[in-house]
N, C-alpha and C. Protein backbone atom coordinates (compact mmCIF):
# COMPACT_ATOMS: atom_id res chain seq x y z
N MET A 1 0.84 -1.18 0.00
CA MET A 1 0.00 0.00 0.00
C MET A 1 0.89 1.25 0.00
N SER A 2 0.60 2.17 -0.89
CA SER A 2 1.44 3.35 -1.00
C SER A 2 1.01 4.43 -0.02
N LYS A 3 1.94 5.34 0.28
CA LYS A 3 1.65 6.45 1.18
C LYS A 3 0.77 7.48 0.48
N TYR A 4 0.05 8.24 1.26
CA TYR A 4 -0.80 9.31 0.73
C TYR A 4 0.10 10.42 0.21
N ASN A 5 -0.09 10.79 -1.03
CA ASN A 5 0.69 11.85 -1.65
C ASN A 5 -0.23 13.03 -1.95
N PRO A 6 -0.17 14.12 -1.17
CA PRO A 6 -1.10 15.23 -1.36
C PRO A 6 -0.97 15.90 -2.72
N ASP A 7 0.24 15.94 -3.27
CA ASP A 7 0.42 16.57 -4.59
C ASP A 7 -0.29 15.78 -5.67
N LEU A 8 -0.24 14.46 -5.59
CA LEU A 8 -0.91 13.60 -6.57
C LEU A 8 -2.42 13.82 -6.52
N TRP A 9 -2.99 13.88 -5.31
CA TRP A 9 -4.43 14.05 -5.17
C TRP A 9 -4.86 15.46 -5.57
N TYR A 10 -4.03 16.44 -5.29
CA TYR A 10 -4.36 17.80 -5.74
C TYR A 10 -4.40 17.84 -7.27
N ALA A 11 -3.45 17.17 -7.91
CA ALA A 11 -3.42 17.13 -9.38
C ALA A 11 -4.68 16.43 -9.92
N LYS A 12 -5.13 15.38 -9.25
CA LYS A 12 -6.36 14.69 -9.68
C LYS A 12 -7.57 15.61 -9.54
N ARG A 13 -7.59 16.39 -8.48
CA ARG A 13 -8.71 17.32 -8.28
C ARG A 13 -8.72 18.39 -9.38
N GLU A 14 -7.53 18.90 -9.69
CA GLU A 14 -7.41 19.89 -10.77
C GLU A 14 -7.88 19.30 -12.08
N GLN A 15 -7.46 18.07 -12.34
CA GLN A 15 -7.83 17.40 -13.58
C GLN A 15 -9.35 17.21 -13.64
N ALA A 16 -9.96 16.90 -12.50
CA ALA A 16 -11.41 16.74 -12.47
C ALA A 16 -12.10 18.06 -12.85
N VAL A 17 -11.57 19.17 -12.34
CA VAL A 17 -12.15 20.48 -12.66
C VAL A 17 -12.01 20.76 -14.16
N HIS A 18 -10.83 20.50 -14.71
CA HIS A 18 -10.60 20.74 -16.14
C HIS A 18 -11.53 19.89 -16.99
N LEU A 19 -11.68 18.62 -16.62
CA LEU A 19 -12.56 17.74 -17.39
C LEU A 19 -14.02 18.19 -17.30
N ARG A 20 -14.42 18.66 -16.14
CA ARG A 20 -15.80 19.12 -15.98
C ARG A 20 -16.04 20.36 -16.83
N ARG A 21 -15.04 21.25 -16.90
CA ARG A 21 -15.16 22.45 -17.73
C ARG A 21 -15.25 22.10 -19.21
N GLN A 22 -14.69 20.94 -19.58
CA GLN A 22 -14.75 20.50 -20.97
C GLN A 22 -16.08 19.82 -21.29
N GLY A 23 -16.93 19.64 -20.27
CA GLY A 23 -18.26 19.11 -20.51
C GLY A 23 -18.45 17.65 -20.17
N TYR A 24 -17.47 17.02 -19.58
CA TYR A 24 -17.62 15.60 -19.20
C TYR A 24 -18.55 15.48 -17.99
N SER A 25 -19.23 14.34 -17.90
CA SER A 25 -20.13 14.11 -16.76
C SER A 25 -19.31 13.64 -15.55
N TYR A 26 -19.96 13.70 -14.38
CA TYR A 26 -19.28 13.24 -13.16
C TYR A 26 -18.86 11.78 -13.30
N ARG A 27 -19.73 10.97 -13.88
CA ARG A 27 -19.44 9.54 -14.04
C ARG A 27 -18.23 9.32 -14.95
N GLN A 28 -18.16 10.05 -16.05
CA GLN A 28 -17.03 9.92 -16.98
C GLN A 28 -15.72 10.35 -16.31
N ILE A 29 -15.79 11.44 -15.59
CA ILE A 29 -14.60 11.93 -14.89
C ILE A 29 -14.15 10.91 -13.85
N ALA A 30 -15.10 10.38 -13.11
CA ALA A 30 -14.78 9.39 -12.07
C ALA A 30 -14.12 8.16 -12.67
N LEU A 31 -14.63 7.68 -13.80
CA LEU A 31 -14.03 6.51 -14.45
C LEU A 31 -12.61 6.79 -14.91
N SER A 32 -12.39 7.97 -15.47
CA SER A 32 -11.04 8.28 -15.97
C SER A 32 -10.02 8.50 -14.85
N LEU A 33 -10.49 8.95 -13.68
CA LEU A 33 -9.57 9.21 -12.57
C LEU A 33 -9.49 8.07 -11.56
N GLY A 34 -10.36 7.08 -11.72
CA GLY A 34 -10.37 5.97 -10.75
C GLY A 34 -10.93 6.39 -9.42
N ALA A 35 -11.96 7.24 -9.44
CA ALA A 35 -12.59 7.73 -8.21
C ALA A 35 -14.09 7.51 -8.32
N SER A 36 -14.81 7.87 -7.28
CA SER A 36 -16.26 7.73 -7.31
C SER A 36 -16.89 9.03 -7.81
N PRO A 37 -18.09 8.94 -8.36
CA PRO A 37 -18.77 10.16 -8.79
C PRO A 37 -19.03 11.12 -7.62
N ALA A 38 -19.26 10.59 -6.44
CA ALA A 38 -19.46 11.44 -5.26
C ALA A 38 -18.20 12.24 -4.96
N TRP A 39 -17.03 11.60 -5.10
CA TRP A 39 -15.75 12.29 -4.87
C TRP A 39 -15.60 13.43 -5.87
N VAL A 40 -15.92 13.17 -7.13
CA VAL A 40 -15.81 14.20 -8.17
C VAL A 40 -16.77 15.35 -7.86
N CYS A 41 -17.99 15.02 -7.49
CA CYS A 41 -19.00 16.03 -7.19
C CYS A 41 -18.55 16.91 -6.02
N LYS A 42 -17.99 16.28 -5.00
CA LYS A 42 -17.52 17.02 -3.83
C LYS A 42 -16.49 18.07 -4.22
N TRP A 43 -15.50 17.66 -5.02
CA TRP A 43 -14.42 18.59 -5.35
C TRP A 43 -14.86 19.65 -6.36
N ILE A 44 -15.78 19.31 -7.24
CA ILE A 44 -16.29 20.32 -8.18
C ILE A 44 -17.08 21.37 -7.41
N ARG A 45 -17.93 20.93 -6.46
CA ARG A 45 -18.69 21.87 -5.64
C ARG A 45 -17.77 22.77 -4.81
N ARG A 46 -16.74 22.17 -4.26
CA ARG A 46 -15.81 22.96 -3.45
C ARG A 46 -15.06 23.97 -4.32
N PHE A 47 -14.70 23.56 -5.55
CA PHE A 47 -14.04 24.47 -6.48
C PHE A 47 -14.95 25.64 -6.83
N GLU A 48 -16.23 25.34 -7.08
CA GLU A 48 -17.18 26.39 -7.45
C GLU A 48 -17.39 27.38 -6.30
N ALA A 49 -17.29 26.89 -5.07
CA ALA A 49 -17.50 27.76 -3.91
C ALA A 49 -16.26 28.55 -3.52
N GLU A 50 -15.08 27.93 -3.65
CA GLU A 50 -13.86 28.55 -3.11
C GLU A 50 -12.76 28.80 -4.12
N GLY A 51 -12.92 28.33 -5.33
CA GLY A 51 -11.87 28.51 -6.34
C GLY A 51 -10.78 27.46 -6.18
N TRP A 52 -9.60 27.76 -6.72
CA TRP A 52 -8.50 26.79 -6.71
C TRP A 52 -8.01 26.45 -5.31
N THR A 53 -8.12 27.40 -4.39
CA THR A 53 -7.68 27.11 -3.02
C THR A 53 -8.59 26.10 -2.33
N GLY A 54 -9.82 25.96 -2.82
CA GLY A 54 -10.74 24.98 -2.25
C GLY A 54 -10.34 23.55 -2.52
N LEU A 55 -9.39 23.35 -3.44
CA LEU A 55 -8.95 21.99 -3.76
C LEU A 55 -7.84 21.50 -2.83
N GLN A 56 -7.38 22.37 -1.94
CA GLN A 56 -6.33 21.97 -0.98
C GLN A 56 -6.91 21.03 0.07
N ASP A 57 -6.05 20.19 0.64
CA ASP A 57 -6.45 19.32 1.74
C ASP A 57 -6.84 20.17 2.94
N ARG A 58 -7.78 19.67 3.73
CA ARG A 58 -8.17 20.33 4.97
C ARG A 58 -7.86 19.41 6.14
N SER A 59 -7.76 20.01 7.29
CA SER A 59 -7.51 19.24 8.50
C SER A 59 -8.71 18.36 8.81
N ARG A 60 -8.43 17.15 9.29
CA ARG A 60 -9.51 16.24 9.68
C ARG A 60 -9.72 16.25 11.20
N ARG A 61 -9.02 17.13 11.85
CA ARG A 61 -9.12 17.22 13.30
C ARG A 61 -10.53 17.68 13.69
N PRO A 62 -11.10 17.09 14.73
CA PRO A 62 -12.42 17.54 15.17
C PRO A 62 -12.39 19.00 15.62
N HIS A 63 -13.50 19.67 15.47
CA HIS A 63 -13.59 21.07 15.89
C HIS A 63 -13.59 21.23 17.40
N HIS A 64 -14.14 20.24 18.09
CA HIS A 64 -14.13 20.26 19.55
C HIS A 64 -14.21 18.83 20.06
N CYS A 65 -13.87 18.68 21.33
CA CYS A 65 -13.90 17.38 21.98
C CYS A 65 -14.95 17.43 23.08
N PRO A 66 -16.13 16.86 22.85
CA PRO A 66 -17.22 17.03 23.81
C PRO A 66 -16.97 16.41 25.18
N ARG A 67 -16.09 15.44 25.27
CA ARG A 67 -15.87 14.76 26.55
C ARG A 67 -14.65 15.29 27.30
N ARG A 68 -14.01 16.32 26.79
CA ARG A 68 -12.83 16.87 27.43
C ARG A 68 -13.20 17.51 28.77
N LEU A 69 -12.34 17.30 29.74
CA LEU A 69 -12.59 17.88 31.07
C LEU A 69 -12.46 19.40 31.01
N PRO A 70 -13.29 20.12 31.74
CA PRO A 70 -13.20 21.58 31.76
C PRO A 70 -11.84 22.04 32.29
N HIS A 71 -11.45 23.23 31.85
CA HIS A 71 -10.15 23.79 32.25
C HIS A 71 -10.06 23.94 33.77
N ASP A 72 -11.16 24.30 34.42
CA ASP A 72 -11.15 24.46 35.87
C ASP A 72 -10.82 23.15 36.58
N VAL A 73 -11.34 22.05 36.06
CA VAL A 73 -11.08 20.74 36.68
C VAL A 73 -9.61 20.36 36.50
N ARG A 74 -9.08 20.62 35.30
CA ARG A 74 -7.66 20.30 35.07
C ARG A 74 -6.76 21.14 35.98
N ARG A 75 -7.14 22.42 36.16
CA ARG A 75 -6.37 23.29 37.05
C ARG A 75 -6.48 22.79 38.50
N ALA A 76 -7.65 22.30 38.88
CA ALA A 76 -7.86 21.79 40.25
C ALA A 76 -7.01 20.55 40.49
N VAL A 77 -6.82 19.71 39.47
CA VAL A 77 -5.98 18.52 39.61
C VAL A 77 -4.53 18.92 39.89
N VAL A 78 -4.03 19.89 39.14
CA VAL A 78 -2.65 20.35 39.33
C VAL A 78 -2.51 21.00 40.71
N HIS A 79 -3.51 21.77 41.12
CA HIS A 79 -3.49 22.41 42.44
C HIS A 79 -3.50 21.35 43.54
N ALA A 80 -4.33 20.33 43.39
CA ALA A 80 -4.40 19.26 44.39
C ALA A 80 -3.06 18.55 44.53
N ARG A 81 -2.40 18.30 43.40
CA ARG A 81 -1.09 17.64 43.44
C ARG A 81 -0.11 18.51 44.21
N SER A 82 -0.14 19.79 43.94
CA SER A 82 0.75 20.72 44.62
C SER A 82 0.48 20.73 46.13
N GLN A 83 -0.78 20.77 46.51
CA GLN A 83 -1.15 20.77 47.93
C GLN A 83 -0.69 19.49 48.61
N LEU A 84 -0.90 18.35 47.96
CA LEU A 84 -0.52 17.07 48.56
C LEU A 84 1.01 16.94 48.67
N GLU A 85 1.73 17.43 47.66
CA GLU A 85 3.20 17.40 47.73
C GLU A 85 3.70 18.27 48.88
N ALA A 86 3.10 19.44 49.05
CA ALA A 86 3.52 20.34 50.13
C ALA A 86 3.23 19.70 51.49
N ALA A 87 2.07 19.08 51.64
CA ALA A 87 1.72 18.42 52.91
C ALA A 87 2.66 17.26 53.20
N ALA A 88 3.02 16.51 52.17
CA ALA A 88 3.93 15.38 52.35
C ALA A 88 5.33 15.87 52.75
N ALA A 89 5.75 17.00 52.16
CA ALA A 89 7.07 17.55 52.49
C ALA A 89 7.11 18.06 53.94
N ARG A 90 5.99 18.58 54.43
CA ARG A 90 5.92 19.05 55.82
C ARG A 90 5.75 17.91 56.81
N GLY A 91 5.45 16.72 56.30
CA GLY A 91 5.23 15.58 57.19
C GLY A 91 3.83 15.53 57.74
N GLN A 92 2.93 16.24 57.12
CA GLN A 92 1.54 16.24 57.56
C GLN A 92 0.72 15.31 56.68
N GLY A 93 -0.26 14.66 57.26
CA GLY A 93 -1.15 13.82 56.47
C GLY A 93 -0.42 12.61 55.89
N LEU A 94 -1.05 12.04 54.90
CA LEU A 94 -0.47 10.87 54.24
C LEU A 94 0.62 11.31 53.28
N LYS A 95 1.47 10.39 52.93
CA LYS A 95 2.56 10.70 52.01
C LYS A 95 2.18 10.38 50.56
N PHE A 96 0.91 10.02 50.33
CA PHE A 96 0.48 9.67 48.99
C PHE A 96 0.19 10.92 48.18
N ILE A 97 0.71 10.96 46.94
CA ILE A 97 0.45 12.11 46.07
C ILE A 97 0.01 11.65 44.69
N GLY A 98 -0.34 10.39 44.57
CA GLY A 98 -0.74 9.84 43.27
C GLY A 98 -2.18 10.15 42.91
N ALA A 99 -2.62 9.59 41.79
CA ALA A 99 -3.95 9.86 41.26
C ALA A 99 -5.07 9.49 42.24
N PRO A 100 -5.02 8.33 42.93
CA PRO A 100 -6.12 8.04 43.87
C PRO A 100 -6.21 9.06 45.01
N ALA A 101 -5.07 9.51 45.51
CA ALA A 101 -5.08 10.52 46.58
C ALA A 101 -5.61 11.85 46.06
N ILE A 102 -5.24 12.21 44.85
CA ILE A 102 -5.72 13.46 44.25
C ILE A 102 -7.23 13.39 44.04
N ARG A 103 -7.71 12.24 43.59
CA ARG A 103 -9.15 12.07 43.36
C ARG A 103 -9.93 12.22 44.67
N THR A 104 -9.39 11.64 45.74
CA THR A 104 -10.04 11.76 47.05
C THR A 104 -10.05 13.21 47.50
N TRP A 105 -8.94 13.92 47.31
CA TRP A 105 -8.84 15.33 47.68
C TRP A 105 -9.87 16.16 46.89
N LEU A 106 -9.99 15.87 45.58
CA LEU A 106 -10.95 16.59 44.74
C LEU A 106 -12.39 16.31 45.18
N ARG A 107 -12.67 15.06 45.56
CA ARG A 107 -14.01 14.71 46.02
C ARG A 107 -14.36 15.50 47.28
N LYS A 108 -13.39 15.61 48.21
CA LYS A 108 -13.63 16.37 49.44
C LYS A 108 -13.84 17.86 49.14
N GLN A 109 -13.21 18.35 48.09
CA GLN A 109 -13.35 19.76 47.72
C GLN A 109 -14.63 20.03 46.93
N GLY A 110 -15.31 18.95 46.51
CA GLY A 110 -16.57 19.10 45.76
C GLY A 110 -16.39 19.44 44.30
N VAL A 111 -15.25 19.05 43.71
CA VAL A 111 -14.99 19.33 42.30
C VAL A 111 -15.89 18.45 41.44
N ARG A 112 -16.57 19.06 40.48
CA ARG A 112 -17.42 18.35 39.54
C ARG A 112 -17.12 18.80 38.14
N PRO A 113 -17.08 17.94 37.16
CA PRO A 113 -17.17 16.50 37.24
C PRO A 113 -15.89 15.93 37.83
N LEU A 114 -16.04 14.86 38.57
CA LEU A 114 -14.89 14.23 39.22
C LEU A 114 -14.16 13.37 38.18
N PRO A 115 -12.89 13.68 37.88
CA PRO A 115 -12.18 12.91 36.86
C PRO A 115 -11.77 11.53 37.36
N SER A 116 -11.58 10.61 36.42
CA SER A 116 -11.11 9.27 36.77
C SER A 116 -9.62 9.34 37.12
N THR A 117 -9.12 8.29 37.74
CA THR A 117 -7.69 8.28 38.10
C THR A 117 -6.83 8.32 36.85
N ARG A 118 -7.26 7.65 35.79
CA ARG A 118 -6.48 7.67 34.55
C ARG A 118 -6.45 9.07 33.95
N SER A 119 -7.56 9.78 34.02
CA SER A 119 -7.60 11.16 33.52
C SER A 119 -6.67 12.04 34.34
N ILE A 120 -6.65 11.82 35.64
CA ILE A 120 -5.76 12.59 36.51
C ILE A 120 -4.31 12.32 36.14
N GLU A 121 -3.98 11.06 35.87
CA GLU A 121 -2.61 10.72 35.47
C GLU A 121 -2.23 11.41 34.17
N ARG A 122 -3.16 11.46 33.21
CA ARG A 122 -2.89 12.13 31.93
C ARG A 122 -2.66 13.63 32.14
N ILE A 123 -3.49 14.24 32.98
CA ILE A 123 -3.34 15.68 33.25
C ILE A 123 -1.99 15.96 33.89
N LEU A 124 -1.61 15.14 34.86
CA LEU A 124 -0.32 15.34 35.53
C LEU A 124 0.84 15.14 34.57
N GLN A 125 0.73 14.15 33.72
CA GLN A 125 1.80 13.89 32.76
C GLN A 125 1.94 15.06 31.80
N LYS A 126 0.81 15.57 31.32
CA LYS A 126 0.86 16.71 30.39
C LYS A 126 1.44 17.95 31.07
N ALA A 127 1.19 18.10 32.36
CA ALA A 127 1.71 19.25 33.11
C ALA A 127 3.17 19.05 33.54
N GLY A 128 3.72 17.87 33.28
CA GLY A 128 5.12 17.60 33.64
C GLY A 128 5.31 17.34 35.12
N LEU A 129 4.29 16.84 35.78
CA LEU A 129 4.37 16.61 37.22
C LEU A 129 4.55 15.15 37.59
N THR A 130 4.93 14.33 36.65
CA THR A 130 5.14 12.91 36.95
C THR A 130 6.60 12.55 36.79
N ARG A 131 6.97 11.51 37.46
CA ARG A 131 8.32 10.97 37.33
C ARG A 131 8.18 9.50 36.97
N PRO A 132 9.09 8.97 36.17
CA PRO A 132 8.99 7.55 35.86
C PRO A 132 9.14 6.71 37.12
N GLN A 133 8.38 5.65 37.20
CA GLN A 133 8.46 4.79 38.37
C GLN A 133 9.81 4.10 38.41
N ARG A 134 10.36 4.06 39.60
CA ARG A 134 11.62 3.35 39.77
C ARG A 134 11.35 1.86 39.90
N ARG A 135 12.16 1.09 39.25
CA ARG A 135 12.01 -0.36 39.37
C ARG A 135 12.48 -0.82 40.74
N ARG A 136 11.73 -1.75 41.28
CA ARG A 136 12.14 -2.29 42.56
C ARG A 136 13.31 -3.22 42.34
N GLN A 137 14.32 -3.06 43.16
CA GLN A 137 15.47 -3.93 43.05
C GLN A 137 15.17 -5.21 43.83
N GLU A 138 15.46 -6.29 43.16
CA GLU A 138 15.20 -7.59 43.82
C GLU A 138 16.24 -7.80 44.90
N GLU A 139 15.75 -8.29 46.02
CA GLU A 139 16.67 -8.55 47.14
C GLU A 139 17.50 -9.77 46.84
N LYS A 140 18.78 -9.66 47.12
CA LYS A 140 19.67 -10.80 46.90
C LYS A 140 19.59 -11.68 48.14
N VAL A 141 19.34 -12.93 47.92
CA VAL A 141 19.21 -13.87 49.04
C VAL A 141 20.49 -14.65 49.18
């Protein structure tokens, strides 16, 4: 299977426009280019609406992520980690600063929606607040 070549596909789109201007039908153009009539129709419509720049590739990235945690919750996770680290350094409370401890702290603070432990780990990793786990050294007997 070959890699996607944007220049090749742009050339095919241009060719489709030229053939349509010469009077060929969508079906004829599709057969000559090895594409579907729907594909040809899409690019001809986009050309008519936007001109030659409309034939460029567009991003396929979603416009928004409906399940993404709100910014306030992500900030609260980072704040909770900071609070727990400070308490552990002072010798107060438990010495746990991981995702389950942060989730418990957030629950006590009434943060909603309450993120999962995996989400908390992702937030901390993105914020650069994690360290790789050290491997336990096996005891020599």
